[in-house]
Amino acid sequence: MIEAKGLRKSFGEIEVLAGVDLRVERGTMLALLGPNGAGKTTAVRILSTLLGMDGGSARIAGYDVATQARAVRGVIGVTGQQTAVDGLLTGYENLVMMGRLFRLGSAAARERARELLVRFDLVDAGQRQVKTYSGGMRRRLDVAISMITAPPVIFLDEPTTGLDPRSRGDVWQTVRQLLDGGVTILLTTQYLEEADQLADRIAVIDGGAIVAEGTASQLKQQVGAELLDLTFADAESYAKGAAALGVERPRLDETALRAEVPVAAAHDVKRILDLLDVAGANLSRVRVTEPSLDDVFLSLTGSQAETPEPVGGRS
């Protein structure tokens, strides 16, 4: 449903996209994950016909972005980084207005507005001015507006940036409903947890180029070995264990008396535990962990991605 090949875009001497390839299958979500300035929003603006490309090609639902822009606009919905709703109107009035702008008849626009208020759990707030809405409610209304014409393809450009954990969770639920309904989604995000929770596939973009792509599990495997997370019973055991590990620069956390050591197979775990037993290093906990998306992001881009507070975290 979404296919881009060799997308290029420069602003003056600054190359923002340097030959980006993307492919999103029908009814799935691709998360375009990257730091600020990586080219995520520029890619979305090109694919949604808001910005011309300098090179490459793109097709949405079979339509050429460059030569069939009007047809492309007929099959997409776009939710940008900032909510595009009128705070002085009610939620219902915003939806009716956008329906009329999309050339729905008056009765059809009102009916569609009522349907979307139900679908996005905004019925109770539908007759209130949008300026009274929470951030999450505004975002849900914004996504509802992008669904006025029931497009098969949706672009979500960092839809949860700046939202509190509860609102972020509400938006995630809305996005899952769209996927369950067969909508194809391209999501841009800085949030590792968001990509991990929602996306079928993840493409990591950095410096205007795709540096890795795959499922979350596939990307984690690229980092390398699993980690053996060791928590020692006391400071003396920690000191003995750190010496016995025999690695040049072990990942150590002295406050928690922990060490994380790469392991490639089960026999590595046994070897390390035997080594610590001989050294007299007593353990209080042993856990094998796989690399996280944060490890992937750091390995691929050399920087940390945004890590929002977990949904349901501090109030």
Protein backbone atom coordinates (compact mmCIF):
# COMPACT_ATOMS: atom_id res chain seq x y z
CA MET A 1 0.00 0.00 0.00
CA ILE A 2 2.97 2.31 0.61
CA GLU A 3 6.12 1.96 -1.45
CA ALA A 4 9.02 4.37 -1.78
CA LYS A 5 12.27 3.83 -3.65
CA GLY A 6 15.32 6.03 -3.39
CA LEU A 7 13.57 9.06 -1.92
CA ARG A 8 15.88 12.09 -1.89
CA LYS A 9 15.34 15.58 -0.55
CA SER A 10 17.71 18.44 0.19
CA PHE A 11 17.17 21.91 1.58
CA GLY A 12 20.01 23.97 0.20
CA GLU A 13 23.21 22.11 0.95
CA ILE A 14 21.59 19.99 3.66
CA GLU A 15 20.60 16.51 2.46
CA VAL A 16 17.63 15.44 4.56
CA LEU A 17 16.76 12.21 2.73
CA ALA A 18 19.56 10.29 1.07
CA GLY A 19 17.83 7.52 -0.89
CA VAL A 20 15.16 6.13 1.44
CA ASP A 21 13.34 2.88 0.58
CA LEU A 22 10.10 2.01 2.39
CA ARG A 23 7.45 -0.67 1.93
CA VAL A 24 4.29 -1.14 3.99
CA GLU A 25 1.97 -4.08 3.33
CA ARG A 26 -1.82 -3.71 3.38
CA GLY A 27 -3.32 -3.69 6.88
CA THR A 28 0.01 -3.45 8.68
CA MET A 29 2.01 -0.73 10.43
CA LEU A 30 5.57 0.33 9.75
CA ALA A 31 7.15 2.50 12.43
CA LEU A 32 9.77 4.92 11.16
CA LEU A 33 11.95 5.30 14.24
CA GLY A 34 14.66 7.91 14.52
CA PRO A 35 16.01 10.91 16.44
CA ASN A 36 15.06 14.52 15.79
CA GLY A 37 16.27 15.69 12.39
CA ALA A 38 16.59 12.18 10.99
CA GLY A 39 14.18 12.87 8.10
CA LYS A 40 11.00 11.22 9.41
CA THR A 41 8.63 14.14 8.92
CA THR A 42 10.16 15.04 5.56
CA ALA A 43 9.44 11.50 4.34
CA VAL A 44 5.81 11.75 5.50
CA ARG A 45 5.36 15.15 3.85
CA ILE A 46 6.62 13.77 0.54
CA LEU A 47 4.48 10.63 0.70
CA SER A 48 1.38 12.68 1.55
CA THR A 49 2.01 15.04 -1.43
CA LEU A 50 2.75 18.05 0.78
CA LEU A 51 6.37 18.32 -0.40
CA GLY A 52 8.07 17.50 -3.67
CA MET A 53 10.93 15.02 -3.87
CA ASP A 54 14.31 15.68 -5.46
CA GLY A 55 14.76 12.10 -6.56
CA GLY A 56 13.30 8.62 -6.31
CA SER A 57 9.70 7.48 -6.62
CA ALA A 58 6.74 6.64 -4.40
CA ARG A 59 3.33 5.02 -4.80
CA ILE A 60 0.40 4.96 -2.39
CA ALA A 61 -2.29 2.33 -3.01
CA GLY A 62 -0.96 2.07 -6.56
CA TYR A 63 -1.02 5.82 -7.28
CA ASP A 64 2.16 7.71 -8.16
CA VAL A 65 2.84 10.43 -5.61
CA ALA A 66 4.50 12.75 -8.12
CA THR A 67 2.08 12.44 -11.06
CA GLN A 68 -1.20 11.39 -9.39
CA ALA A 69 -1.19 13.60 -6.30
CA ARG A 70 -4.96 14.19 -6.37
CA ALA A 71 -5.67 10.45 -6.41
CA VAL A 72 -3.18 9.90 -3.59
CA ARG A 73 -4.95 12.50 -1.44
CA GLY A 74 -8.19 10.61 -1.96
CA VAL A 75 -6.85 7.46 -0.27
CA ILE A 76 -4.86 8.88 2.65
CA GLY A 77 -5.43 10.52 6.00
CA VAL A 78 -2.71 12.51 7.77
CA THR A 79 -2.25 13.34 11.44
CA GLY A 80 0.63 15.77 11.92
CA GLN A 81 2.75 16.56 14.95
CA GLN A 82 0.37 19.34 16.01
CA THR A 83 -3.35 18.76 16.41
CA ALA A 84 -5.38 20.41 13.64
CA VAL A 85 -8.63 21.06 15.50
CA ASP A 86 -10.57 24.23 16.31
CA GLY A 87 -10.73 24.75 20.07
CA LEU A 88 -13.78 27.00 19.89
CA LEU A 89 -15.90 24.38 18.12
CA THR A 90 -17.24 21.21 19.72
CA GLY A 91 -15.83 17.85 18.72
CA TYR A 92 -18.97 17.16 16.73
CA GLU A 93 -18.76 20.52 14.96
CA ASN A 94 -15.10 19.94 14.07
CA LEU A 95 -16.00 16.63 12.45
CA VAL A 96 -18.98 18.03 10.57
CA MET A 97 -16.91 20.96 9.31
CA MET A 98 -14.15 18.66 8.03
CA GLY A 99 -16.76 16.40 6.43
CA ARG A 100 -18.17 19.35 4.53
CA LEU A 101 -14.64 20.41 3.49
CA PHE A 102 -14.21 16.90 2.12
CA ARG A 103 -17.37 17.57 0.09
CA LEU A 104 -19.70 15.29 1.98
CA GLY A 105 -23.32 16.39 1.89
CA SER A 106 -24.73 18.04 5.00
CA ALA A 107 -26.63 14.96 6.17
CA ALA A 108 -23.72 12.63 5.31
CA ALA A 109 -21.25 14.84 7.22
CA ARG A 110 -23.44 14.80 10.33
CA GLU A 111 -23.91 11.05 10.15
CA ARG A 112 -20.17 10.46 9.68
CA ALA A 113 -19.41 12.76 12.62
CA ARG A 114 -21.71 10.74 14.88
CA GLU A 115 -20.14 7.47 13.72
CA LEU A 116 -16.61 8.71 14.45
CA LEU A 117 -17.52 10.05 17.89
CA VAL A 118 -18.71 6.54 18.76
CA ARG A 119 -15.72 4.81 17.17
CA PHE A 120 -13.16 6.97 19.00
CA ASP A 121 -14.99 7.02 22.34
CA LEU A 122 -15.79 10.73 22.22
CA VAL A 123 -19.58 10.65 22.46
CA ASP A 124 -19.70 12.15 25.95
CA ALA A 125 -17.36 14.96 24.92
CA GLY A 126 -18.85 15.49 21.47
CA GLN A 127 -20.91 18.55 22.46
CA ARG A 128 -18.13 20.24 24.44
CA GLN A 129 -15.71 22.82 23.07
CA VAL A 130 -12.44 21.18 22.11
CA LYS A 131 -10.48 23.68 24.23
CA THR A 132 -11.80 21.75 27.26
CA TYR A 133 -10.38 18.44 25.99
CA SER A 134 -7.32 16.69 27.41
CA GLY A 135 -4.30 16.17 25.17
CA GLY A 136 -5.27 12.57 24.51
CA MET A 137 -8.85 13.50 23.61
CA ARG A 138 -7.61 16.16 21.18
CA ARG A 139 -5.33 13.59 19.58
CA ARG A 140 -8.17 11.06 19.24
CA LEU A 141 -10.32 13.74 17.63
CA ASP A 142 -7.44 14.60 15.30
CA VAL A 143 -7.15 10.96 14.22
CA ALA A 144 -10.94 10.80 13.82
CA ILE A 145 -10.80 13.79 11.48
CA SER A 146 -8.21 12.00 9.35
CA MET A 147 -10.73 9.14 9.02
CA ILE A 148 -13.61 11.29 7.71
CA THR A 149 -13.47 9.64 4.28
CA ALA A 150 -12.46 6.21 5.65
CA PRO A 151 -9.08 6.22 3.85
CA PRO A 152 -7.22 2.91 3.59
CA VAL A 153 -3.85 4.55 4.41
CA ILE A 154 -3.03 6.75 7.42
CA PHE A 155 0.15 8.70 8.17
CA LEU A 156 0.72 9.35 11.88
CA ASP A 157 3.60 11.79 12.41
CA GLU A 158 4.74 11.52 16.05
CA PRO A 159 1.13 11.43 17.29
CA THR A 160 1.94 11.09 21.02
CA THR A 161 4.77 13.59 21.44
CA GLY A 162 4.19 15.63 24.59
CA LEU A 163 1.28 13.54 25.86
CA ASP A 164 1.08 12.21 29.40
CA PRO A 165 1.19 8.41 29.91
CA ARG A 166 -2.60 8.01 30.18
CA SER A 167 -3.25 10.03 27.02
CA ARG A 168 -0.52 8.14 25.19
CA GLY A 169 -2.22 4.87 26.10
CA ASP A 170 -5.55 6.20 24.80
CA VAL A 171 -3.97 7.06 21.44
CA TRP A 172 -2.32 3.65 21.25
CA GLN A 173 -5.71 2.01 21.72
CA THR A 174 -7.13 4.16 18.92
CA VAL A 175 -4.29 3.13 16.60
CA ARG A 176 -4.82 -0.56 17.40
CA GLN A 177 -8.49 -0.18 16.45
CA LEU A 178 -7.48 1.26 13.08
CA LEU A 179 -5.15 -1.69 12.45
CA ASP A 180 -7.88 -4.13 13.46
CA GLY A 181 -10.07 -2.44 10.85
CA GLY A 182 -7.55 -3.14 8.10
CA VAL A 183 -6.07 0.36 7.79
CA THR A 184 -2.44 0.59 6.62
CA ILE A 185 -0.35 2.90 8.81
CA LEU A 186 3.01 4.61 8.57
CA LEU A 187 3.95 5.87 12.04
CA THR A 188 6.88 8.14 12.78
CA THR A 189 8.09 8.19 16.36
CA GLN A 190 11.05 8.87 18.63
CA TYR A 191 9.67 6.50 21.25
CA LEU A 192 11.11 2.99 21.40
CA GLU A 193 8.22 1.65 23.46
CA GLU A 194 5.69 2.99 20.96
CA ALA A 195 7.37 1.27 18.02
CA ASP A 196 7.74 -1.97 19.99
CA GLN A 197 4.09 -1.96 21.13
CA LEU A 198 2.35 -1.04 17.89
CA ALA A 199 4.38 -1.78 14.77
CA ASP A 200 4.52 -4.94 12.69
CA ARG A 201 7.88 -3.77 11.32
CA ILE A 202 10.31 -1.04 12.31
CA ALA A 203 12.63 0.98 10.07
CA VAL A 204 15.37 2.92 11.84
CA ILE A 205 16.28 6.15 10.06
CA ASP A 206 19.35 8.21 10.86
CA GLY A 207 20.98 10.97 8.87
CA GLY A 208 18.38 10.67 6.13
CA ALA A 209 19.01 6.98 5.46
CA ILE A 210 17.44 3.71 6.60
CA VAL A 211 20.10 2.00 8.72
CA ALA A 212 18.09 -1.09 9.67
CA GLU A 213 14.65 -2.63 9.13
CA GLY A 214 12.78 -5.63 10.46
CA THR A 215 10.53 -6.82 13.26
CA ALA A 216 11.44 -5.76 16.79
CA SER A 217 12.86 -9.24 17.43
CA GLN A 218 14.94 -9.19 14.26
CA LEU A 219 16.40 -5.79 15.12
CA LYS A 220 17.27 -6.92 18.63
CA GLN A 221 19.10 -9.93 17.20
CA GLN A 222 21.32 -7.60 15.18
CA VAL A 223 22.81 -6.20 18.37
CA GLY A 224 24.34 -9.55 19.23
CA ALA A 225 24.43 -11.77 22.24
CA GLU A 226 21.97 -11.97 25.08
CA LEU A 227 23.08 -10.64 28.45
CA LEU A 228 23.53 -12.60 31.65
CA ASP A 229 22.39 -10.24 34.39
CA LEU A 230 24.05 -11.19 37.68
CA THR A 231 23.16 -9.72 41.08
CA PHE A 232 25.65 -10.57 43.84
CA ALA A 233 24.70 -11.27 47.43
CA ASP A 234 27.20 -8.86 48.98
CA ALA A 235 30.09 -6.53 48.20
CA GLU A 236 32.72 -9.22 48.77
CA SER A 237 31.02 -11.58 46.33
CA TYR A 238 30.71 -8.76 43.84
CA ALA A 239 34.45 -8.05 44.03
CA LYS A 240 35.32 -11.74 43.60
CA GLY A 241 32.85 -12.10 40.73
CA ALA A 242 34.06 -9.02 38.89
CA ALA A 243 37.62 -10.33 39.07
CA ALA A 244 36.64 -13.85 38.03
CA LEU A 245 34.71 -12.70 34.93
CA GLY A 246 38.01 -11.87 33.26
CA VAL A 247 36.60 -9.39 30.76
CA GLU A 248 38.41 -6.17 29.99
CA ARG A 249 35.45 -3.81 30.48
CA PRO A 250 32.49 -5.57 32.13
CA ARG A 251 29.24 -3.63 32.41
CA LEU A 252 29.14 -3.12 36.16
CA ASP A 253 26.74 -1.39 38.49
CA GLU A 254 28.44 -1.19 41.86
CA THR A 255 25.42 0.31 43.63
CA ALA A 256 23.24 -2.69 42.82
CA LEU A 257 26.15 -5.17 42.91
CA ARG A 258 25.32 -6.23 39.37
CA ALA A 259 27.24 -7.32 36.32
CA GLU A 260 25.96 -7.85 32.77
CA VAL A 261 27.97 -10.27 30.67
CA PRO A 262 27.34 -11.21 26.99
CA VAL A 263 26.35 -14.84 26.43
CA ALA A 264 25.87 -16.58 23.10
CA ALA A 265 24.49 -19.97 24.20
CA ALA A 266 23.35 -21.99 27.22
CA HIS A 267 26.81 -23.49 27.75
CA ASP A 268 28.17 -19.95 28.24
CA VAL A 269 25.76 -19.44 31.12
CA LYS A 270 26.90 -22.68 32.77
CA ARG A 271 30.57 -21.80 32.27
CA ILE A 272 30.15 -18.38 33.89
CA LEU A 273 28.17 -19.74 36.84
CA ASP A 274 30.76 -22.47 37.41
CA LEU A 275 33.50 -19.86 37.30
CA LEU A 276 31.77 -17.72 39.90
CA ASP A 277 31.13 -20.76 42.11
CA VAL A 278 34.82 -21.63 42.14
CA ALA A 279 35.68 -18.00 42.94
CA GLY A 280 33.32 -18.05 45.92
CA ALA A 281 31.10 -15.30 44.51
CA ASN A 282 27.60 -15.78 45.92
CA LEU A 283 24.66 -14.73 43.73
CA SER A 284 21.21 -13.55 44.80
CA ARG A 285 19.73 -13.44 41.30
CA VAL A 286 20.54 -14.65 37.79
CA ARG A 287 18.61 -13.53 34.73
CA VAL A 288 19.19 -13.89 30.98
CA THR A 289 17.89 -10.86 29.06
CA GLU A 290 17.72 -10.13 25.34
CA PRO A 291 18.88 -6.80 23.91
CA SER A 292 16.27 -4.05 24.06
CA LEU A 293 15.21 -1.67 21.31
CA ASP A 294 17.19 0.94 23.23
CA ASP A 295 20.31 -1.19 22.69
CA VAL A 296 19.42 -1.44 19.00
CA PHE A 297 18.91 2.29 18.66
CA LEU A 298 22.14 3.11 20.47
CA SER A 299 24.07 0.61 18.40
CA LEU A 300 22.70 1.88 15.08
CA THR A 301 22.59 5.63 15.65
CA GLY A 302 25.08 6.26 18.42
CA SER A 303 22.45 8.07 20.51
CA GLN A 304 19.63 7.32 22.90
CA ALA A 305 16.04 7.51 21.66
CA GLU A 306 13.25 9.07 23.66
CA THR A 307 11.94 6.87 26.46
CA PRO A 308 8.54 8.08 27.67
CA GLU A 309 7.26 7.31 31.10
CA PRO A 310 5.46 3.93 30.98
CA VAL A 311 1.70 4.02 30.55
CA GLY A 312 0.16 3.96 34.01
CA GLY A 313 3.38 5.32 35.57
CA ARG A 314 3.74 8.27 37.93
CA SER A 315 0.73 10.56 38.21
